[in-house]
PDB file of N, CA and C in Angstrom:
ATOM      1  N   MET A   1     -32.030 -28.753  13.911  1.00  0.00           N
ATOM      2  CA  MET A   1     -33.198 -28.277  14.417  1.00  0.00           C
ATOM      3  C   MET A   1     -33.095 -27.094  15.426  1.00  0.00           C
ATOM      4  N   GLY A   2     -31.993 -26.655  15.615  1.00  0.00           N
ATOM      5  CA  GLY A   2     -31.776 -25.582  16.727  1.00  0.00           C
ATOM      6  C   GLY A   2     -31.227 -24.329  15.834  1.00  0.00           C
ATOM      7  N   GLY A   3     -30.883 -24.707  14.363  1.00  0.00           N
ATOM      8  CA  GLY A   3     -30.790 -23.353  13.782  1.00  0.00           C
ATOM      9  C   GLY A   3     -31.949 -22.694  13.029  1.00  0.00           C
ATOM     10  N   ILE A   4     -31.503 -21.438  12.508  1.00  0.00           N
ATOM     11  CA  ILE A   4     -32.838 -20.627  11.723  1.00  0.00           C
ATOM     12  C   ILE A   4     -32.900 -21.159  10.465  1.00  0.00           C
ATOM     13  N   GLY A   5     -33.602 -21.685  10.026  1.00  0.00           N
ATOM     14  CA  GLY A   5     -34.112 -21.807   8.454  1.00  0.00           C
ATOM     15  C   GLY A   5     -34.662 -20.628   7.810  1.00  0.00           C
ATOM     16  N   ILE A   6     -34.666 -21.475   6.537  1.00  0.00           N
ATOM     17  CA  ILE A   6     -35.118 -20.518   5.245  1.00  0.00           C
ATOM     18  C   ILE A   6     -36.361 -19.603   5.727  1.00  0.00           C
ATOM     19  N   TRP A   7     -37.379 -20.000   6.045  1.00  0.00           N
ATOM     20  CA  TRP A   7     -38.674 -19.443   6.521  1.00  0.00           C
ATOM     21  C   TRP A   7     -38.577 -18.392   7.503  1.00  0.00           C
ATOM     22  N   GLN A   8     -37.894 -18.684   8.504  1.00  0.00           N
ATOM     23  CA  GLN A   8     -37.683 -17.595   9.666  1.00  0.00           C
ATOM     24  C   GLN A   8     -36.926 -16.596   9.031  1.00  0.00           C
ATOM     25  N   LEU A   9     -35.943 -16.588   7.949  1.00  0.00           N
ATOM     26  CA  LEU A   9     -35.007 -15.548   7.404  1.00  0.00           C
ATOM     27  C   LEU A   9     -36.239 -14.785   6.677  1.00  0.00           C
ATOM     28  N   VAL A  10     -36.919 -15.516   5.996  1.00  0.00           N
ATOM     29  CA  VAL A  10     -38.218 -14.713   4.932  1.00  0.00           C
ATOM     30  C   VAL A  10     -38.796 -13.701   5.832  1.00  0.00           C
ATOM     31  N   ILE A  11     -39.280 -14.410   6.991  1.00  0.00           N
ATOM     32  CA  ILE A  11     -40.367 -13.822   7.687  1.00  0.00           C
ATOM     33  C   ILE A  11     -39.512 -12.506   8.509  1.00  0.00           C
ATOM     34  N   ILE A  12     -38.406 -12.391   8.936  1.00  0.00           N
ATOM     35  CA  ILE A  12     -37.453 -11.374   9.557  1.00  0.00           C
ATOM     36  C   ILE A  12     -37.299 -10.403   8.559  1.00  0.00           C
ATOM     37  N   ALA A  13     -37.387 -10.790   7.318  1.00  0.00           N
ATOM     38  CA  ALA A  13     -36.984  -9.629   5.788  1.00  0.00           C
ATOM     39  C   ALA A  13     -38.286  -9.290   5.803  1.00  0.00           C
ATOM     40  N   VAL A  14     -39.174  -9.593   5.670  1.00  0.00           N
ATOM     41  CA  VAL A  14     -40.517  -8.909   5.577  1.00  0.00           C
ATOM     42  C   VAL A  14     -41.154  -8.089   6.537  1.00  0.00           C
ATOM     43  N   ILE A  15     -40.785  -8.395   8.163  1.00  0.00           N
ATOM     44  CA  ILE A  15     -40.787  -7.608   8.833  1.00  0.00           C
ATOM     45  C   ILE A  15     -39.785  -6.396   9.094  1.00  0.00           C
ATOM     46  N   VAL A  16     -38.697  -6.310   8.581  1.00  0.00           N
ATOM     47  CA  VAL A  16     -37.632  -5.335   8.524  1.00  0.00           C
ATOM     48  C   VAL A  16     -38.345  -4.305   7.404  1.00  0.00           C
ATOM     49  N   VAL A  17     -38.587  -4.951   6.284  1.00  0.00           N
ATOM     50  CA  VAL A  17     -39.115  -4.136   4.990  1.00  0.00           C
ATOM     51  C   VAL A  17     -40.296  -3.432   5.761  1.00  0.00           C
ATOM     52  N   LEU A  18     -41.271  -4.220   6.249  1.00  0.00           N
ATOM     53  CA  LEU A  18     -42.527  -3.255   6.783  1.00  0.00           C
ATOM     54  C   LEU A  18     -42.296  -2.100   8.066  1.00  0.00           C
ATOM     55  N   LEU A  19     -40.860  -2.184   8.803  1.00  0.00           N
ATOM     56  CA  LEU A  19     -40.601  -1.410   9.689  1.00  0.00           C
ATOM     57  C   LEU A  19     -40.222  -0.249   8.816  1.00  0.00           C
ATOM     58  N   PHE A  20     -39.324  -0.614   8.209  1.00  0.00           N
ATOM     59  CA  PHE A  20     -38.306   0.682   7.713  1.00  0.00           C
ATOM     60  C   PHE A  20     -38.516   1.084   6.275  1.00  0.00           C
ATOM     61  N   GLY A  21     -39.246   0.354   5.463  1.00  0.00           N
ATOM     62  CA  GLY A  21     -39.823   0.892   4.231  1.00  0.00           C
ATOM     63  C   GLY A  21     -38.542   0.405   2.983  1.00  0.00           C
ATOM     64  N   THR A  22     -38.933   0.172   1.728  1.00  0.00           N
ATOM     65  CA  THR A  22     -37.533  -0.264   1.171  1.00  0.00           C
ATOM     66  C   THR A  22     -36.935   1.143   0.621  1.00  0.00           C
ATOM     67  N   LYS A  23     -37.615   2.272   0.752  1.00  0.00           N
ATOM     68  CA  LYS A  23     -37.140   3.636   0.259  1.00  0.00           C
ATOM     69  C   LYS A  23     -35.577   3.789   1.398  1.00  0.00           C
ATOM     70  N   LYS A  24     -35.974   3.511   2.308  1.00  0.00           N
ATOM     71  CA  LYS A  24     -34.861   3.721   3.519  1.00  0.00           C
ATOM     72  C   LYS A  24     -33.531   2.646   3.731  1.00  0.00           C
ATOM     73  N   LEU A  25     -34.223   1.635   3.188  1.00  0.00           N
ATOM     74  CA  LEU A  25     -33.454   0.229   3.123  1.00  0.00           C
ATOM     75  C   LEU A  25     -32.298   0.531   2.239  1.00  0.00           C
ATOM     76  N   ARG A  26     -33.030   0.806   0.743  1.00  0.00           N
ATOM     77  CA  ARG A  26     -32.288   1.357  -0.309  1.00  0.00           C
ATOM     78  C   ARG A  26     -31.192   2.096  -0.025  1.00  0.00           C
ATOM     79  N   ASN A  27     -31.463   3.274   0.827  1.00  0.00           N
ATOM     80  CA  ASN A  27     -30.375   4.061   1.167  1.00  0.00           C
ATOM     81  C   ASN A  27     -29.485   3.796   2.048  1.00  0.00           C
ATOM     82  N   LEU A  28     -29.941   3.207   2.961  1.00  0.00           N
ATOM     83  CA  LEU A  28     -29.037   2.590   3.947  1.00  0.00           C
ATOM     84  C   LEU A  28     -27.981   1.775   3.267  1.00  0.00           C
ATOM     85  N   GLY A  29     -28.643   0.898   2.384  1.00  0.00           N
ATOM     86  CA  GLY A  29     -27.514   0.187   1.299  1.00  0.00           C
ATOM     87  C   GLY A  29     -26.538   0.762   0.705  1.00  0.00           C
ATOM     88  N   GLY A  30     -27.128   1.724   0.011  1.00  0.00           N
ATOM     89  CA  GLY A  30     -26.317   2.666  -0.631  1.00  0.00           C
ATOM     90  C   GLY A  30     -25.125   3.278  -0.001  1.00  0.00           C
ATOM     91  N   ASP A  31     -25.548   3.787   1.500  1.00  0.00           N
ATOM     92  CA  ASP A  31     -24.660   4.192   2.396  1.00  0.00           C
ATOM     93  C   ASP A  31     -23.715   3.113   2.724  1.00  0.00           C
ATOM     94  N   LEU A  32     -24.001   2.131   3.045  1.00  0.00           N
ATOM     95  CA  LEU A  32     -22.919   1.167   3.554  1.00  0.00           C
ATOM     96  C   LEU A  32     -22.057   0.733   2.367  1.00  0.00           C
ATOM     97  N   GLY A  33     -22.477   0.813   1.545  1.00  0.00           N
ATOM     98  CA  GLY A  33     -21.558   0.255   0.057  1.00  0.00           C
ATOM     99  C   GLY A  33     -20.612   1.604   0.016  1.00  0.00           C
ATOM    100  N   SER A  34     -20.886   2.547  -0.071  1.00  0.00           N
ATOM    101  CA  SER A  34     -20.137   3.890  -0.186  1.00  0.00           C
ATOM    102  C   SER A  34     -19.167   3.863   0.787  1.00  0.00           C
ATOM    103  N   ALA A  35     -19.523   3.333   1.988  1.00  0.00           N
ATOM    104  CA  ALA A  35     -18.781   3.444   2.888  1.00  0.00           C
ATOM    105  C   ALA A  35     -17.604   2.328   2.864  1.00  0.00           C
ATOM    106  N   VAL A  36     -18.062   0.925   2.430  1.00  0.00           N
ATOM    107  CA  VAL A  36     -16.817   0.167   2.233  1.00  0.00           C
ATOM    108  C   VAL A  36     -15.919   0.490   1.210  1.00  0.00           C
ATOM    109  N   LYS A  37     -16.915   1.117   0.046  1.00  0.00           N
ATOM    110  CA  LYS A  37     -15.802   1.595  -0.968  1.00  0.00           C
ATOM    111  C   LYS A  37     -14.585   2.311  -0.665  1.00  0.00           C
ATOM    112  N   GLY A  38     -15.062   3.456   0.510  1.00  0.00           N
ATOM    113  CA  GLY A  38     -14.327   4.360   1.021  1.00  0.00           C
ATOM    114  C   GLY A  38     -13.061   3.757   1.603  1.00  0.00           C
ATOM    115  N   PHE A  39     -13.593   2.834   2.503  1.00  0.00           N
ATOM    116  CA  PHE A  39     -12.584   1.841   3.356  1.00  0.00           C
ATOM    117  C   PHE A  39     -11.782   1.050   2.408  1.00  0.00           C
ATOM    118  N   LYS A  40     -12.126   0.594   1.305  1.00  0.00           N
ATOM    119  CA  LYS A  40     -11.099  -0.385   0.519  1.00  0.00           C
ATOM    120  C   LYS A  40     -10.182   1.036  -0.091  1.00  0.00           C
ATOM    121  N   SER A  41     -10.571   1.985  -0.507  1.00  0.00           N
ATOM    122  CA  SER A  41      -9.854   3.088  -0.954  1.00  0.00           C
ATOM    123  C   SER A  41      -8.701   3.192  -0.315  1.00  0.00           C
ATOM    124  N   ALA A  42      -9.294   3.714   1.235  1.00  0.00           N
ATOM    125  CA  ALA A  42      -8.322   4.060   2.140  1.00  0.00           C
ATOM    126  C   ALA A  42      -6.990   3.143   2.396  1.00  0.00           C
ATOM    127  N   ILE A  43      -7.272   1.845   2.592  1.00  0.00           N
ATOM    128  CA  ILE A  43      -6.517   0.719   2.586  1.00  0.00           C
ATOM    129  C   ILE A  43      -5.610   0.687   1.372  1.00  0.00           C
ATOM    130  N   GLY A  44      -6.008   0.845   0.476  1.00  0.00           N
ATOM    131  CA  GLY A  44      -5.044   0.796  -0.697  1.00  0.00           C
ATOM    132  C   GLY A  44      -4.509   1.725  -0.945  1.00  0.00           C
ATOM    133  N   ASP A  45      -4.881   3.111  -0.425  1.00  0.00           N
ATOM    134  CA  ASP A  45      -4.286   4.311  -0.500  1.00  0.00           C
ATOM    135  C   ASP A  45      -2.710   4.284   0.304  1.00  0.00           C
ATOM    136  N   ASP A  46      -3.383   3.669   1.726  1.00  0.00           N
ATOM    137  CA  ASP A  46      -2.030   3.277   2.754  1.00  0.00           C
ATOM    138  C   ASP A  46      -1.013   2.498   2.268  1.00  0.00           C
ATOM    139  N   LYS A  47      -1.759   1.193   1.599  1.00  0.00           N
ATOM    140  CA  LYS A  47      -0.860   0.227   0.743  1.00  0.00           C
ATOM    141  C   LYS A  47       0.312   1.051  -0.177  1.00  0.00           C
ATOM    142  N   GLU A  48      -0.547   1.758  -0.735  1.00  0.00           N
ATOM    143  CA  GLU A  48       0.345   2.342  -2.270  1.00  0.00           C
ATOM    144  C   GLU A  48       1.395   3.592  -1.623  1.00  0.00           C
ATOM    145  N   GLN A  49       1.017   4.134  -0.249  1.00  0.00           N
ATOM    146  CA  GLN A  49       2.178   5.204   0.283  1.00  0.00           C
ATOM    147  C   GLN A  49       2.960   4.319   1.014  1.00  0.00           C
ATOM    148  N   LYS A  50       3.060   3.356   1.518  1.00  0.00           N
ATOM    149  CA  LYS A  50       4.049   2.502   2.082  1.00  0.00           C
ATOM    150  C   LYS A  50       4.792   1.770   1.226  1.00  0.00           C
ATOM    151  N   SER A  51       4.500   1.475  -0.178  1.00  0.00           N
ATOM    152  CA  SER A  51       5.309   0.986  -1.200  1.00  0.00           C
ATOM    153  C   SER A  51       6.016   2.080  -1.833  1.00  0.00           C
ATOM    154  N   ASN A  52       5.252   3.484  -2.257  1.00  0.00           N
ATOM    155  CA  ASN A  52       6.036   4.494  -2.615  1.00  0.00           C
ATOM    156  C   ASN A  52       7.374   4.798  -1.418  1.00  0.00           C
ATOM    157  N   VAL A  53       7.045   4.720  -0.275  1.00  0.00           N
ATOM    158  CA  VAL A  53       8.299   5.024   0.806  1.00  0.00           C
ATOM    159  C   VAL A  53       9.371   4.018   0.508  1.00  0.00           C
ATOM    160  N   GLU A  54       8.975   2.960   0.525  1.00  0.00           N
ATOM    161  CA  GLU A  54       9.782   1.794   0.175  1.00  0.00           C
ATOM    162  C   GLU A  54      10.702   1.918  -0.894  1.00  0.00           C
ATOM    163  N   LYS A  55       9.883   2.425  -2.080  1.00  0.00           N
ATOM    164  CA  LYS A  55      10.654   2.548  -3.524  1.00  0.00           C
ATOM    165  C   LYS A  55      11.765   3.536  -3.401  1.00  0.00           C
ATOM    166  N   THR A  56      10.962   4.652  -2.368  1.00  0.00           N
ATOM    167  CA  THR A  56      11.963   6.097  -2.376  1.00  0.00           C
ATOM    168  C   THR A  56      13.193   5.721  -1.746  1.00  0.00           C
ATOM    169  N   SER A  57      13.168   4.918  -0.540  1.00  0.00           N
ATOM    170  CA  SER A  57      14.461   4.557   0.167  1.00  0.00           C
ATOM    171  C   SER A  57      15.319   3.518  -0.151  1.00  0.00           C
ATOM    172  N   ALA A  58      14.496   2.628  -1.241  1.00  0.00           N
ATOM    173  CA  ALA A  58      15.993   1.925  -2.220  1.00  0.00           C
ATOM    174  C   ALA A  58      16.037   2.767  -3.165  1.00  0.00           C
ATOM    175  N   GLU A  59      15.726   3.559  -3.866  1.00  0.00           N
ATOM    176  CA  GLU A  59      16.184   4.226  -4.204  1.00  0.00           C
ATOM    177  C   GLU A  59      17.395   5.373  -3.657  1.00  0.00           C
ATOM    178  N   LYS A  60      17.276   5.655  -2.663  1.00  0.00           N
ATOM    179  CA  LYS A  60      18.176   6.449  -1.971  1.00  0.00           C
ATOM    180  C   LYS A  60      19.327   5.708  -1.592  1.00  0.00           C
ATOM    181  N   THR A  61      19.028   4.407  -1.227  1.00  0.00           N
ATOM    182  CA  THR A  61      20.248   3.352  -0.835  1.00  0.00           C
ATOM    183  C   THR A  61      21.089   3.332  -2.226  1.00  0.00           C
ATOM    184  N   SER A  62      20.173   2.873  -3.361  1.00  0.00           N
ATOM    185  CA  SER A  62      21.005   2.674  -4.804  1.00  0.00           C
ATOM    186  C   SER A  62      21.902   3.716  -4.932  1.00  0.00           C
ATOM    187  N   GLU A  63      21.521   5.068  -4.944  1.00  0.00           N
ATOM    188  CA  GLU A  63      22.324   6.416  -5.063  1.00  0.00           C
ATOM    189  C   GLU A  63      23.312   6.474  -4.021  1.00  0.00           C
ATOM    190  N   SER A  64      23.339   6.355  -2.738  1.00  0.00           N
ATOM    191  CA  SER A  64      24.249   6.192  -1.939  1.00  0.00           C
ATOM    192  C   SER A  64      25.182   5.328  -2.212  1.00  0.00           C
ATOM    193  N   LEU A  65      24.865   3.979  -2.415  1.00  0.00           N
ATOM    194  CA  LEU A  65      25.779   3.099  -2.964  1.00  0.00           C
ATOM    195  C   LEU A  65      26.732   3.269  -4.240  1.00  0.00           C
ATOM    196  N   ALA A  66      26.085   3.845  -5.422  1.00  0.00           N
ATOM    197  CA  ALA A  66      26.350   4.606  -6.465  1.00  0.00           C
ATOM    198  C   ALA A  66      27.772   5.548  -6.098  1.00  0.00           C
ATOM    199  N   ASP A  67      27.164   6.244  -5.088  1.00  0.00           N
ATOM    200  CA  ASP A  67      28.082   7.548  -4.643  1.00  0.00           C
ATOM    201  C   ASP A  67      29.214   6.957  -3.920  1.00  0.00           C
ATOM    202  N   ASN A  68      29.412   6.099  -3.055  1.00  0.00           N
ATOM    203  CA  ASN A  68      30.334   5.470  -2.439  1.00  0.00           C
ATOM    204  C   ASN A  68      31.125   4.805  -3.425  1.00  0.00           C
ATOM    205  N   SER A  69      30.426   4.011  -4.400  1.00  0.00           N
ATOM    206  CA  SER A  69      31.514   3.277  -5.048  1.00  0.00           C
ATOM    207  C   SER A  69      32.189   4.242  -6.158  1.00  0.00           C
ATOM    208  N   SER A  70      31.724   5.290  -6.545  1.00  0.00           N
ATOM    209  CA  SER A  70      32.383   6.354  -7.755  1.00  0.00           C
ATOM    210  C   SER A  70      33.529   6.905  -6.755  1.00  0.00           C
ATOM    211  N   THR A  71      33.085   7.138  -5.638  1.00  0.00           N
ATOM    212  CA  THR A  71      34.331   7.753  -4.314  1.00  0.00           C
ATOM    213  C   THR A  71      35.569   6.541  -4.512  1.00  0.00           C
ATOM    214  N   VAL A  72      35.149   5.462  -4.257  1.00  0.00           N
ATOM    215  CA  VAL A  72      36.284   4.270  -4.035  1.00  0.00           C
ATOM    216  C   VAL A  72      36.733   4.061  -5.365  1.00  0.00           C
ATOM    217  N   THR A  73      36.105   4.330  -6.384  1.00  0.00           N
ATOM    218  CA  THR A  73      36.893   4.201  -7.917  1.00  0.00           C
ATOM    219  C   THR A  73      37.641   5.579  -8.096  1.00  0.00           C
ATOM    220  N   GLU A  74      37.335   6.783  -7.830  1.00  0.00           N
ATOM    221  CA  GLU A  74      38.232   7.992  -7.674  1.00  0.00           C
ATOM    222  C   GLU A  74      39.481   7.712  -6.910  1.00  0.00           C
ATOM    223  N   GLU A  75      39.408   7.183  -5.633  1.00  0.00           N
ATOM    224  CA  GLU A  75      40.381   6.941  -4.799  1.00  0.00           C
ATOM    225  C   GLU A  75      41.498   5.752  -5.050  1.00  0.00           C
ATOM    226  N   THR A  76      40.895   4.991  -5.753  1.00  0.00           N
ATOM    227  CA  THR A  76      41.773   3.561  -6.314  1.00  0.00           C
ATOM    228  C   THR A  76      42.435   4.301  -7.343  1.00  0.00           C
ATOM    229  N   SER A  77      41.829   5.205  -8.486  1.00  0.00           N
ATOM    230  CA  SER A  77      42.728   5.857  -9.525  1.00  0.00           C
ATOM    231  C   SER A  77      43.343   6.739  -9.259  1.00  0.00           C
ATOM    232  N   LYS A  78      43.535   7.654  -7.973  1.00  0.00           N
ATOM    233  CA  LYS A  78      44.110   8.606  -7.615  1.00  0.00           C
ATOM    234  C   LYS A  78      45.322   7.742  -6.986  1.00  0.00           C
ATOM    235  N   SER A  79      45.522   6.712  -6.144  1.00  0.00           N
ATOM    236  CA  SER A  79      46.377   5.787  -5.746  1.00  0.00           C
ATOM    237  C   SER A  79      47.106   5.142  -6.516  1.00  0.00           C
ATOM    238  N   THR A  80      46.816   4.939  -7.669  1.00  0.00           N
ATOM    239  CA  THR A  80      47.142   4.232  -8.820  1.00  0.00           C
ATOM    240  C   THR A  80      48.219   5.580  -9.713  1.00  0.00           C
ATOM    241  N   SER A  81      47.675   6.220  -9.609  1.00  0.00           N
ATOM    242  CA  SER A  81      48.291   7.277 -10.386  1.00  0.00           C
ATOM    243  C   SER A  81      49.494   7.926  -9.755  1.00  0.00           C
ATOM    244  N   LYS A  82      49.536   7.557  -8.209  1.00  0.00           N
ATOM    245  CA  LYS A  82      50.695   8.144  -7.384  1.00  0.00           C
ATOM    246  C   LYS A  82      51.481   7.085  -7.370  1.00  0.00           C
ATOM    247  N   THR A  83      50.988   5.921  -7.604  1.00  0.00           N
ATOM    248  CA  THR A  83      52.049   4.587  -7.675  1.00  0.00           C
ATOM    249  C   THR A  83      52.914   4.755  -8.692  1.00  0.00           C
ATOM    250  N   LYS A  84      52.304   5.137  -9.806  1.00  0.00           N
ATOM    251  CA  LYS A  84      52.606   5.048 -11.123  1.00  0.00           C
ATOM    252  C   LYS A  84      53.657   6.231 -11.093  1.00  0.00           C
ATOM    253  N   GLU A  85      53.563   7.383 -10.543  1.00  0.00           N
ATOM    254  CA  GLU A  85      54.393   8.638 -10.226  1.00  0.00           C
ATOM    255  C   GLU A  85      55.603   8.108  -9.753  1.00  0.00           C
ATOM    256  N   THR A  86      55.574   7.336  -8.301  1.00  0.00           N
ATOM    257  CA  THR A  86      56.495   6.910  -7.557  1.00  0.00           C
ATOM    258  C   THR A  86      57.289   5.627  -8.319  1.00  0.00           C
ATOM    259  N   ASP A  87      56.850   4.906  -9.237  1.00  0.00           N
ATOM    260  CA  ASP A  87      57.571   4.023  -9.625  1.00  0.00           C
ATOM    261  C   ASP A  87      58.551   4.836 -11.065  1.00  0.00           C
ATOM    262  N   GLN A  88      57.766   5.567 -11.578  1.00  0.00           N
ATOM    263  CA  GLN A  88      58.816   6.671 -12.852  1.00  0.00           C
ATOM    264  C   GLN A  88      60.022   7.460 -12.160  1.00  0.00           C
ATOM    265  N   ALA A  89      59.701   7.563 -10.735  1.00  0.00           N
ATOM    266  CA  ALA A  89      60.780   8.544 -10.323  1.00  0.00           C
ATOM    267  C   ALA A  89      61.859   7.586  -9.999  1.00  0.00           C
TER     268      ALA A  89
END
């Protein structure tokens, strides 16, 4: 009993159409739709930029790990060659 029924909504819609006209309501709907589309694309761009930043940081981390492992490998091979030289002497 306290809620708005279908007939009340129809009456409100008719009054709004009479006040503003269909052309203005159509333009308003188009403007609202383009605003929502722009908002969604801005959010999508923001998420894409964050994922690109995360990928870039992950690539940098993997590159630094690869550099560190190659340095460790070089140091190990140097110490192994020094050990062999001292064993031979």
